[in-house]
N, C-alpha and C. Protein backbone atom coordinates (compact mmCIF):
# COMPACT_ATOMS: atom_id res chain seq x y z
N MET A 1 14.91 -7.20 -40.04
CA MET A 1 13.51 -7.30 -39.65
C MET A 1 13.38 -7.79 -38.21
N SER A 2 14.21 -8.80 -37.81
CA SER A 2 14.09 -9.33 -36.45
C SER A 2 14.50 -8.29 -35.41
N LEU A 3 15.47 -7.44 -35.73
CA LEU A 3 15.86 -6.37 -34.81
C LEU A 3 14.69 -5.41 -34.60
N LEU A 4 13.99 -5.11 -35.65
CA LEU A 4 12.83 -4.23 -35.56
C LEU A 4 11.75 -4.86 -34.69
N MET A 5 11.53 -6.16 -34.82
CA MET A 5 10.53 -6.86 -34.00
C MET A 5 10.92 -6.82 -32.52
N VAL A 6 12.19 -7.04 -32.21
CA VAL A 6 12.66 -7.00 -30.83
C VAL A 6 12.47 -5.60 -30.25
N MET A 7 12.83 -4.58 -31.02
CA MET A 7 12.68 -3.21 -30.54
C MET A 7 11.20 -2.89 -30.31
N PHE A 8 10.33 -3.33 -31.21
CA PHE A 8 8.90 -3.07 -31.07
C PHE A 8 8.34 -3.79 -29.85
N SER A 9 8.74 -5.04 -29.62
CA SER A 9 8.22 -5.78 -28.46
C SER A 9 8.72 -5.16 -27.16
N ASN A 10 9.96 -4.67 -27.14
CA ASN A 10 10.47 -3.98 -25.95
C ASN A 10 9.70 -2.68 -25.69
N PHE A 11 9.36 -1.98 -26.77
CA PHE A 11 8.58 -0.75 -26.64
C PHE A 11 7.20 -1.05 -26.06
N ILE A 12 6.55 -2.09 -26.56
CA ILE A 12 5.22 -2.48 -26.08
C ILE A 12 5.30 -2.88 -24.61
N ALA A 13 6.30 -3.66 -24.22
CA ALA A 13 6.46 -4.08 -22.82
C ALA A 13 6.66 -2.87 -21.92
N ALA A 14 7.46 -1.91 -22.36
CA ALA A 14 7.68 -0.70 -21.56
C ALA A 14 6.40 0.10 -21.42
N GLN A 15 5.62 0.19 -22.50
CA GLN A 15 4.35 0.91 -22.44
C GLN A 15 3.39 0.25 -21.46
N ASN A 16 3.32 -1.08 -21.51
CA ASN A 16 2.41 -1.80 -20.62
C ASN A 16 2.79 -1.60 -19.16
N SER A 17 4.09 -1.64 -18.83
CA SER A 17 4.49 -1.48 -17.44
C SER A 17 4.28 -0.05 -16.96
N SER A 18 4.43 0.94 -17.86
CA SER A 18 4.20 2.32 -17.44
C SER A 18 2.71 2.62 -17.33
N GLN A 19 1.87 1.89 -18.08
CA GLN A 19 0.43 2.09 -17.98
C GLN A 19 -0.12 1.52 -16.68
N CYS A 20 0.52 0.52 -16.16
CA CYS A 20 0.08 -0.09 -14.91
C CYS A 20 1.30 -0.53 -14.10
N PRO A 21 1.97 0.42 -13.45
CA PRO A 21 3.19 0.09 -12.73
C PRO A 21 2.97 -0.85 -11.54
N CYS A 22 1.73 -0.99 -11.10
CA CYS A 22 1.45 -1.85 -9.95
C CYS A 22 0.72 -3.13 -10.34
N CYS A 23 0.87 -3.55 -11.57
CA CYS A 23 0.21 -4.77 -12.05
C CYS A 23 1.16 -5.97 -12.07
N THR A 24 2.09 -5.99 -11.13
CA THR A 24 3.02 -7.12 -11.03
C THR A 24 2.39 -8.20 -10.14
N PRO A 25 2.88 -9.42 -10.22
CA PRO A 25 2.37 -10.47 -9.32
C PRO A 25 2.53 -10.10 -7.85
N GLU A 26 3.62 -9.41 -7.49
CA GLU A 26 3.83 -9.03 -6.10
C GLU A 26 2.74 -8.07 -5.62
N HIS A 27 2.35 -7.15 -6.47
CA HIS A 27 1.30 -6.19 -6.11
C HIS A 27 -0.06 -6.85 -5.89
N ARG A 28 -0.24 -8.03 -6.41
CA ARG A 28 -1.53 -8.72 -6.31
C ARG A 28 -1.57 -9.74 -5.16
N GLN A 29 -0.50 -9.86 -4.39
CA GLN A 29 -0.42 -10.88 -3.34
C GLN A 29 -1.44 -10.70 -2.22
N PHE A 30 -1.91 -9.49 -2.00
CA PHE A 30 -2.84 -9.22 -0.90
C PHE A 30 -4.29 -9.10 -1.40
N ASP A 31 -4.50 -9.35 -2.68
CA ASP A 31 -5.84 -9.20 -3.26
C ASP A 31 -6.87 -10.16 -2.65
N PHE A 32 -6.41 -11.24 -2.02
CA PHE A 32 -7.35 -12.18 -1.39
C PHE A 32 -8.15 -11.50 -0.27
N TRP A 33 -7.66 -10.38 0.23
CA TRP A 33 -8.31 -9.66 1.33
C TRP A 33 -9.35 -8.66 0.81
N VAL A 34 -9.34 -8.38 -0.47
CA VAL A 34 -10.25 -7.39 -1.05
C VAL A 34 -11.68 -7.93 -1.02
N GLY A 35 -12.60 -7.09 -0.56
CA GLY A 35 -14.01 -7.48 -0.54
C GLY A 35 -14.76 -6.78 0.57
N GLU A 36 -16.01 -7.17 0.72
CA GLU A 36 -16.89 -6.68 1.78
C GLU A 36 -17.04 -7.80 2.80
N TRP A 37 -16.67 -7.54 4.05
CA TRP A 37 -16.55 -8.60 5.05
C TRP A 37 -17.32 -8.31 6.33
N GLU A 38 -17.74 -9.39 6.97
CA GLU A 38 -18.13 -9.37 8.37
C GLU A 38 -17.02 -10.13 9.08
N THR A 39 -16.53 -9.57 10.17
CA THR A 39 -15.39 -10.16 10.87
C THR A 39 -15.85 -10.67 12.23
N PHE A 40 -15.52 -11.93 12.50
CA PHE A 40 -15.96 -12.59 13.72
C PHE A 40 -14.76 -12.97 14.58
N SER A 41 -14.92 -12.80 15.89
CA SER A 41 -13.96 -13.31 16.87
C SER A 41 -14.67 -14.41 17.65
N SER A 42 -14.03 -14.93 18.67
CA SER A 42 -14.67 -15.97 19.49
C SER A 42 -15.89 -15.44 20.24
N GLN A 43 -16.00 -14.10 20.37
CA GLN A 43 -17.15 -13.49 21.05
C GLN A 43 -18.30 -13.16 20.09
N GLY A 44 -18.15 -13.44 18.82
CA GLY A 44 -19.20 -13.13 17.84
C GLY A 44 -18.75 -12.07 16.86
N LEU A 45 -19.71 -11.33 16.30
CA LEU A 45 -19.40 -10.31 15.30
C LEU A 45 -18.54 -9.21 15.92
N ALA A 46 -17.34 -9.02 15.37
CA ALA A 46 -16.43 -7.99 15.86
C ALA A 46 -16.61 -6.68 15.09
N GLY A 47 -16.99 -6.79 13.82
CA GLY A 47 -17.17 -5.59 13.01
C GLY A 47 -17.29 -5.92 11.55
N THR A 48 -17.31 -4.86 10.75
CA THR A 48 -17.35 -5.02 9.30
C THR A 48 -16.13 -4.33 8.71
N ASN A 49 -15.73 -4.82 7.56
CA ASN A 49 -14.55 -4.29 6.90
C ASN A 49 -14.79 -4.24 5.41
N SER A 50 -14.49 -3.10 4.82
CA SER A 50 -14.57 -2.93 3.37
C SER A 50 -13.15 -2.74 2.87
N ILE A 51 -12.70 -3.65 2.02
CA ILE A 51 -11.33 -3.62 1.51
C ILE A 51 -11.41 -3.39 0.00
N VAL A 52 -10.80 -2.30 -0.47
CA VAL A 52 -10.88 -1.94 -1.89
C VAL A 52 -9.50 -1.65 -2.47
N ILE A 53 -9.39 -1.90 -3.77
CA ILE A 53 -8.18 -1.54 -4.52
C ILE A 53 -8.39 -0.14 -5.07
N MET A 54 -7.36 0.70 -4.94
CA MET A 54 -7.47 2.08 -5.41
C MET A 54 -6.14 2.56 -5.98
N GLU A 55 -6.12 3.79 -6.41
CA GLU A 55 -4.91 4.42 -6.95
C GLU A 55 -4.27 3.57 -8.05
N ASP A 56 -5.07 3.27 -9.06
CA ASP A 56 -4.60 2.50 -10.22
C ASP A 56 -3.95 1.18 -9.82
N SER A 57 -4.55 0.49 -8.88
CA SER A 57 -4.12 -0.83 -8.41
C SER A 57 -2.85 -0.79 -7.58
N CYS A 58 -2.45 0.39 -7.09
CA CYS A 58 -1.22 0.50 -6.29
C CYS A 58 -1.47 0.45 -4.79
N VAL A 59 -2.72 0.62 -4.35
CA VAL A 59 -3.03 0.70 -2.93
C VAL A 59 -4.26 -0.15 -2.62
N ILE A 60 -4.21 -0.83 -1.49
CA ILE A 60 -5.38 -1.51 -0.96
C ILE A 60 -5.78 -0.76 0.30
N GLN A 61 -7.02 -0.26 0.31
CA GLN A 61 -7.51 0.52 1.45
C GLN A 61 -8.50 -0.32 2.26
N GLU A 62 -8.31 -0.31 3.57
CA GLU A 62 -9.20 -0.99 4.51
C GLU A 62 -10.02 0.06 5.25
N ASN A 63 -11.31 -0.22 5.43
CA ASN A 63 -12.19 0.65 6.21
C ASN A 63 -12.94 -0.20 7.23
N TRP A 64 -12.52 -0.11 8.49
CA TRP A 64 -13.05 -0.94 9.58
C TRP A 64 -14.09 -0.17 10.39
N VAL A 65 -15.18 -0.87 10.75
CA VAL A 65 -16.19 -0.33 11.66
C VAL A 65 -16.47 -1.40 12.71
N SER A 66 -16.24 -1.07 13.98
CA SER A 66 -16.47 -2.01 15.07
C SER A 66 -17.96 -2.28 15.24
N ALA A 67 -18.29 -3.51 15.58
CA ALA A 67 -19.69 -3.88 15.82
C ALA A 67 -20.23 -3.20 17.08
N LYS A 68 -19.35 -2.89 18.02
CA LYS A 68 -19.77 -2.24 19.27
C LYS A 68 -20.01 -0.75 19.09
N GLY A 69 -19.61 -0.22 17.96
CA GLY A 69 -19.81 1.20 17.69
C GLY A 69 -18.72 2.06 18.32
N GLY A 70 -18.52 3.22 17.74
CA GLY A 70 -17.57 4.16 18.31
C GLY A 70 -16.13 3.96 17.90
N TYR A 71 -15.81 2.86 17.23
CA TYR A 71 -14.42 2.63 16.83
C TYR A 71 -14.37 2.33 15.34
N THR A 72 -13.61 3.16 14.62
CA THR A 72 -13.39 2.96 13.19
C THR A 72 -11.92 3.16 12.88
N GLY A 73 -11.49 2.62 11.77
CA GLY A 73 -10.11 2.80 11.36
C GLY A 73 -9.93 2.53 9.88
N THR A 74 -8.83 3.03 9.37
CA THR A 74 -8.50 2.88 7.95
C THR A 74 -7.04 2.48 7.84
N SER A 75 -6.76 1.55 6.93
CA SER A 75 -5.37 1.25 6.64
C SER A 75 -5.12 1.39 5.15
N TYR A 76 -3.89 1.72 4.84
CA TYR A 76 -3.41 1.77 3.46
C TYR A 76 -2.31 0.74 3.35
N ASN A 77 -2.45 -0.15 2.39
CA ASN A 77 -1.53 -1.26 2.20
C ASN A 77 -0.95 -1.17 0.80
N PHE A 78 0.36 -1.34 0.70
CA PHE A 78 0.98 -1.23 -0.62
C PHE A 78 2.28 -2.03 -0.66
N TYR A 79 2.64 -2.45 -1.87
CA TYR A 79 3.89 -3.15 -2.09
C TYR A 79 4.95 -2.12 -2.47
N ASP A 80 6.01 -2.05 -1.68
CA ASP A 80 7.12 -1.13 -1.93
C ASP A 80 8.11 -1.83 -2.85
N GLN A 81 8.13 -1.42 -4.12
CA GLN A 81 8.99 -2.08 -5.10
C GLN A 81 10.47 -1.90 -4.79
N THR A 82 10.83 -0.78 -4.18
CA THR A 82 12.23 -0.52 -3.86
C THR A 82 12.73 -1.46 -2.77
N GLU A 83 11.95 -1.60 -1.70
CA GLU A 83 12.34 -2.47 -0.58
C GLU A 83 11.90 -3.91 -0.77
N LYS A 84 11.04 -4.15 -1.77
CA LYS A 84 10.48 -5.48 -2.03
C LYS A 84 9.78 -6.03 -0.78
N LYS A 85 8.96 -5.14 -0.19
CA LYS A 85 8.21 -5.49 1.01
C LYS A 85 6.82 -4.87 0.94
N TRP A 86 5.89 -5.51 1.64
CA TRP A 86 4.56 -4.96 1.83
C TRP A 86 4.58 -4.04 3.04
N LYS A 87 3.78 -2.98 2.98
CA LYS A 87 3.68 -2.05 4.10
C LYS A 87 2.22 -1.74 4.37
N GLN A 88 1.90 -1.56 5.64
CA GLN A 88 0.57 -1.13 6.05
C GLN A 88 0.71 0.05 7.00
N ILE A 89 -0.12 1.06 6.77
CA ILE A 89 -0.21 2.20 7.67
C ILE A 89 -1.66 2.26 8.14
N TRP A 90 -1.87 2.08 9.44
CA TRP A 90 -3.21 2.07 10.04
C TRP A 90 -3.39 3.32 10.89
N VAL A 91 -4.54 3.97 10.76
CA VAL A 91 -4.92 5.09 11.63
C VAL A 91 -6.37 4.90 12.03
N ASP A 92 -6.71 5.33 13.26
CA ASP A 92 -8.10 5.14 13.72
C ASP A 92 -8.65 6.41 14.36
N ASN A 93 -9.92 6.35 14.72
CA ASN A 93 -10.60 7.52 15.27
C ASN A 93 -10.32 7.74 16.76
N GLN A 94 -9.42 6.94 17.34
CA GLN A 94 -9.01 7.12 18.73
C GLN A 94 -7.60 7.72 18.83
N GLY A 95 -7.04 8.07 17.66
CA GLY A 95 -5.69 8.62 17.64
C GLY A 95 -4.61 7.56 17.54
N GLY A 96 -5.01 6.31 17.39
CA GLY A 96 -4.04 5.22 17.29
C GLY A 96 -3.48 5.09 15.89
N ASN A 97 -2.30 4.52 15.82
CA ASN A 97 -1.69 4.24 14.51
C ASN A 97 -0.78 3.03 14.64
N LEU A 98 -0.54 2.40 13.52
CA LEU A 98 0.30 1.21 13.48
C LEU A 98 0.95 1.15 12.11
N GLU A 99 2.25 0.93 12.08
CA GLU A 99 2.98 0.77 10.83
C GLU A 99 3.58 -0.63 10.82
N LEU A 100 3.27 -1.37 9.76
CA LEU A 100 3.71 -2.75 9.64
C LEU A 100 4.46 -2.94 8.32
N THR A 101 5.40 -3.88 8.32
CA THR A 101 6.16 -4.21 7.13
C THR A 101 6.36 -5.72 7.08
N GLY A 102 6.34 -6.29 5.89
CA GLY A 102 6.58 -7.72 5.78
C GLY A 102 6.42 -8.23 4.37
N ASN A 103 6.07 -9.51 4.27
CA ASN A 103 5.98 -10.15 2.97
C ASN A 103 4.93 -11.25 2.96
N PHE A 104 4.61 -11.67 1.75
CA PHE A 104 3.73 -12.81 1.52
C PHE A 104 4.61 -14.05 1.58
N VAL A 105 4.40 -14.88 2.61
CA VAL A 105 5.26 -16.03 2.85
C VAL A 105 4.40 -17.27 3.05
N ASP A 106 4.70 -18.33 2.33
CA ASP A 106 3.99 -19.61 2.47
C ASP A 106 2.47 -19.44 2.41
N GLY A 107 2.01 -18.61 1.46
CA GLY A 107 0.58 -18.43 1.27
C GLY A 107 -0.10 -17.53 2.28
N LYS A 108 0.68 -16.81 3.08
CA LYS A 108 0.13 -15.91 4.11
C LYS A 108 0.80 -14.55 4.00
N MET A 109 0.05 -13.50 4.32
CA MET A 109 0.64 -12.16 4.42
C MET A 109 1.03 -11.95 5.88
N VAL A 110 2.32 -11.73 6.13
CA VAL A 110 2.83 -11.57 7.49
C VAL A 110 3.50 -10.20 7.58
N LEU A 111 2.90 -9.32 8.38
CA LEU A 111 3.42 -7.97 8.56
C LEU A 111 3.71 -7.73 10.03
N GLN A 112 4.80 -7.02 10.30
CA GLN A 112 5.25 -6.82 11.68
C GLN A 112 5.68 -5.37 11.88
N SER A 113 5.47 -4.87 13.09
CA SER A 113 5.89 -3.50 13.42
C SER A 113 7.34 -3.50 13.89
N GLU A 114 7.91 -2.31 13.91
CA GLU A 114 9.17 -2.11 14.61
C GLU A 114 8.84 -2.14 16.10
N GLU A 115 9.85 -2.33 16.93
CA GLU A 115 9.60 -2.29 18.37
C GLU A 115 9.20 -0.87 18.78
N LYS A 116 8.15 -0.78 19.60
CA LYS A 116 7.67 0.51 20.10
C LYS A 116 7.66 0.47 21.63
N TYR A 117 7.49 1.63 22.22
CA TYR A 117 7.41 1.72 23.68
C TYR A 117 6.05 2.26 24.07
N SER A 118 5.37 1.56 24.97
CA SER A 118 4.09 2.01 25.49
C SER A 118 4.34 2.78 26.78
N GLU A 119 4.11 4.08 26.72
CA GLU A 119 4.26 4.92 27.91
C GLU A 119 3.25 4.50 28.97
N LYS A 120 2.04 4.17 28.52
CA LYS A 120 0.97 3.77 29.43
C LYS A 120 1.33 2.49 30.20
N ASN A 121 1.83 1.49 29.48
CA ASN A 121 2.13 0.19 30.11
C ASN A 121 3.60 0.03 30.50
N LYS A 122 4.42 1.01 30.17
CA LYS A 122 5.86 0.99 30.49
C LYS A 122 6.53 -0.29 29.98
N VAL A 123 6.28 -0.60 28.69
CA VAL A 123 6.84 -1.82 28.12
C VAL A 123 7.15 -1.62 26.64
N HIS A 124 8.21 -2.26 26.18
CA HIS A 124 8.54 -2.30 24.76
C HIS A 124 7.75 -3.46 24.15
N TYR A 125 7.25 -3.26 22.93
CA TYR A 125 6.46 -4.31 22.30
C TYR A 125 6.60 -4.26 20.78
N THR A 126 6.30 -5.39 20.15
CA THR A 126 6.26 -5.52 18.70
C THR A 126 4.98 -6.25 18.33
N ASP A 127 4.29 -5.75 17.32
CA ASP A 127 3.07 -6.39 16.83
C ASP A 127 3.36 -7.17 15.56
N ARG A 128 2.64 -8.28 15.39
CA ARG A 128 2.73 -9.08 14.16
C ARG A 128 1.30 -9.49 13.79
N ILE A 129 0.94 -9.24 12.54
CA ILE A 129 -0.39 -9.63 12.06
C ILE A 129 -0.21 -10.52 10.84
N THR A 130 -0.93 -11.65 10.85
CA THR A 130 -0.88 -12.61 9.75
C THR A 130 -2.28 -12.76 9.17
N TRP A 131 -2.38 -12.61 7.86
CA TRP A 131 -3.63 -12.84 7.14
C TRP A 131 -3.48 -14.11 6.32
N THR A 132 -4.42 -15.03 6.49
CA THR A 132 -4.37 -16.31 5.78
C THR A 132 -5.64 -16.51 4.98
N PRO A 133 -5.53 -16.65 3.64
CA PRO A 133 -6.72 -16.96 2.85
C PRO A 133 -7.08 -18.44 3.02
N ASN A 134 -8.33 -18.72 3.30
CA ASN A 134 -8.79 -20.09 3.47
C ASN A 134 -9.50 -20.58 2.21
N SER A 135 -9.51 -21.89 2.02
CA SER A 135 -10.08 -22.46 0.81
C SER A 135 -11.58 -22.22 0.68
N ASP A 136 -12.27 -21.91 1.78
CA ASP A 136 -13.72 -21.67 1.73
C ASP A 136 -14.06 -20.20 1.44
N GLY A 137 -13.05 -19.38 1.13
CA GLY A 137 -13.30 -17.98 0.80
C GLY A 137 -13.22 -17.03 1.98
N THR A 138 -12.99 -17.56 3.18
CA THR A 138 -12.81 -16.72 4.35
C THR A 138 -11.33 -16.34 4.48
N VAL A 139 -11.06 -15.38 5.35
CA VAL A 139 -9.68 -14.96 5.62
C VAL A 139 -9.51 -14.88 7.13
N ARG A 140 -8.44 -15.48 7.63
CA ARG A 140 -8.13 -15.38 9.06
C ARG A 140 -7.14 -14.24 9.27
N GLN A 141 -7.43 -13.38 10.24
CA GLN A 141 -6.50 -12.33 10.66
C GLN A 141 -6.08 -12.64 12.09
N TYR A 142 -4.79 -12.87 12.28
CA TYR A 142 -4.26 -13.28 13.57
C TYR A 142 -3.23 -12.24 14.01
N TRP A 143 -3.58 -11.47 15.06
CA TRP A 143 -2.74 -10.39 15.55
C TRP A 143 -2.12 -10.82 16.87
N GLN A 144 -0.79 -10.74 16.93
CA GLN A 144 -0.04 -11.13 18.12
C GLN A 144 0.89 -9.99 18.54
N ARG A 145 1.31 -10.05 19.80
CA ARG A 145 2.23 -9.05 20.34
C ARG A 145 3.27 -9.75 21.22
N THR A 146 4.51 -9.26 21.12
CA THR A 146 5.58 -9.74 22.00
C THR A 146 6.12 -8.57 22.81
N THR A 147 6.46 -8.86 24.06
CA THR A 147 7.09 -7.85 24.92
C THR A 147 8.47 -8.33 25.38
N ASP A 148 8.92 -9.44 24.79
CA ASP A 148 10.22 -10.00 25.18
C ASP A 148 11.12 -10.26 23.96
N GLY A 149 10.97 -9.41 22.95
CA GLY A 149 11.84 -9.52 21.78
C GLY A 149 11.53 -10.70 20.88
N GLY A 150 10.35 -11.27 20.98
CA GLY A 150 9.94 -12.36 20.10
C GLY A 150 10.07 -13.74 20.69
N LYS A 151 10.47 -13.85 21.95
CA LYS A 151 10.56 -15.18 22.59
C LYS A 151 9.18 -15.78 22.76
N THR A 152 8.23 -14.95 23.18
CA THR A 152 6.85 -15.41 23.33
C THR A 152 5.92 -14.37 22.70
N TRP A 153 4.78 -14.85 22.23
CA TRP A 153 3.78 -13.99 21.59
C TRP A 153 2.44 -14.21 22.26
N SER A 154 1.72 -13.13 22.52
CA SER A 154 0.37 -13.25 23.07
C SER A 154 -0.64 -12.79 22.01
N ASP A 155 -1.83 -13.35 22.08
CA ASP A 155 -2.87 -13.04 21.11
C ASP A 155 -3.53 -11.71 21.44
N ILE A 156 -3.68 -10.87 20.43
CA ILE A 156 -4.41 -9.61 20.55
C ILE A 156 -5.78 -9.76 19.90
N PHE A 157 -5.82 -10.37 18.73
CA PHE A 157 -7.07 -10.55 18.00
C PHE A 157 -6.93 -11.74 17.06
N ASP A 158 -7.93 -12.61 17.08
CA ASP A 158 -7.98 -13.74 16.15
C ASP A 158 -9.35 -13.68 15.48
N GLY A 159 -9.37 -13.16 14.27
CA GLY A 159 -10.64 -12.93 13.59
C GLY A 159 -10.79 -13.71 12.31
N LEU A 160 -12.02 -14.01 11.98
CA LEU A 160 -12.34 -14.69 10.74
C LEU A 160 -13.21 -13.77 9.89
N TYR A 161 -12.69 -13.42 8.74
CA TYR A 161 -13.42 -12.59 7.78
C TYR A 161 -14.30 -13.49 6.93
N LYS A 162 -15.60 -13.20 6.95
CA LYS A 162 -16.55 -13.93 6.11
C LYS A 162 -17.16 -12.94 5.12
N PRO A 163 -17.27 -13.33 3.84
CA PRO A 163 -17.87 -12.40 2.88
C PRO A 163 -19.27 -12.00 3.31
N LYS A 164 -19.57 -10.71 3.20
CA LYS A 164 -20.93 -10.24 3.51
C LYS A 164 -21.90 -10.86 2.52
N ALA A 165 -23.07 -11.21 3.02
CA ALA A 165 -24.11 -11.74 2.14
C ALA A 165 -24.52 -10.65 1.17
N LYS A 166 -24.63 -11.02 -0.09
CA LYS A 166 -25.05 -10.06 -1.11
C LYS A 166 -26.53 -9.78 -0.97
N LYS A 167 -26.88 -8.51 -0.98
CA LYS A 167 -28.30 -8.12 -0.90
C LYS A 167 -28.91 -8.21 -2.29
N GLU A 168 -30.09 -8.79 -2.34
CA GLU A 168 -30.76 -8.95 -3.64
C GLU A 168 -31.76 -7.87 -3.89
């Protein structure tokens, strides 16, 4: 009888994981970013961002709209179970793109690009973006860039995501 119980519980566990292959704790590490946001920089409102879970909880999609108008972008974020890393693929309406890889470390999501070359600026660079959930429900997005292999980092964007006020 106990062998039958073990076999049945293994069958149930396998069914549950196949019904939701992305319902692991690792897949949920970036869920703090999900929501409807207004994003602020030191200059004021930078834009709005809608972050949603899609594809049976396997993908987090970002939809950015700049407050100044004319600039939008979308990212797809997912946990790669094979590499045990988070990945982001960003594309925008200006032809730009960014590919980042990293992990959830010390309560923060830290993603970094491979080194790229800017033909325009004639420089090699690497981007690093850190998302930090704050206790007040906001999220900080801190984007940095290095042109010296990581010895020094300069700020590209330091934004605070605040939940959009719910319309009644």
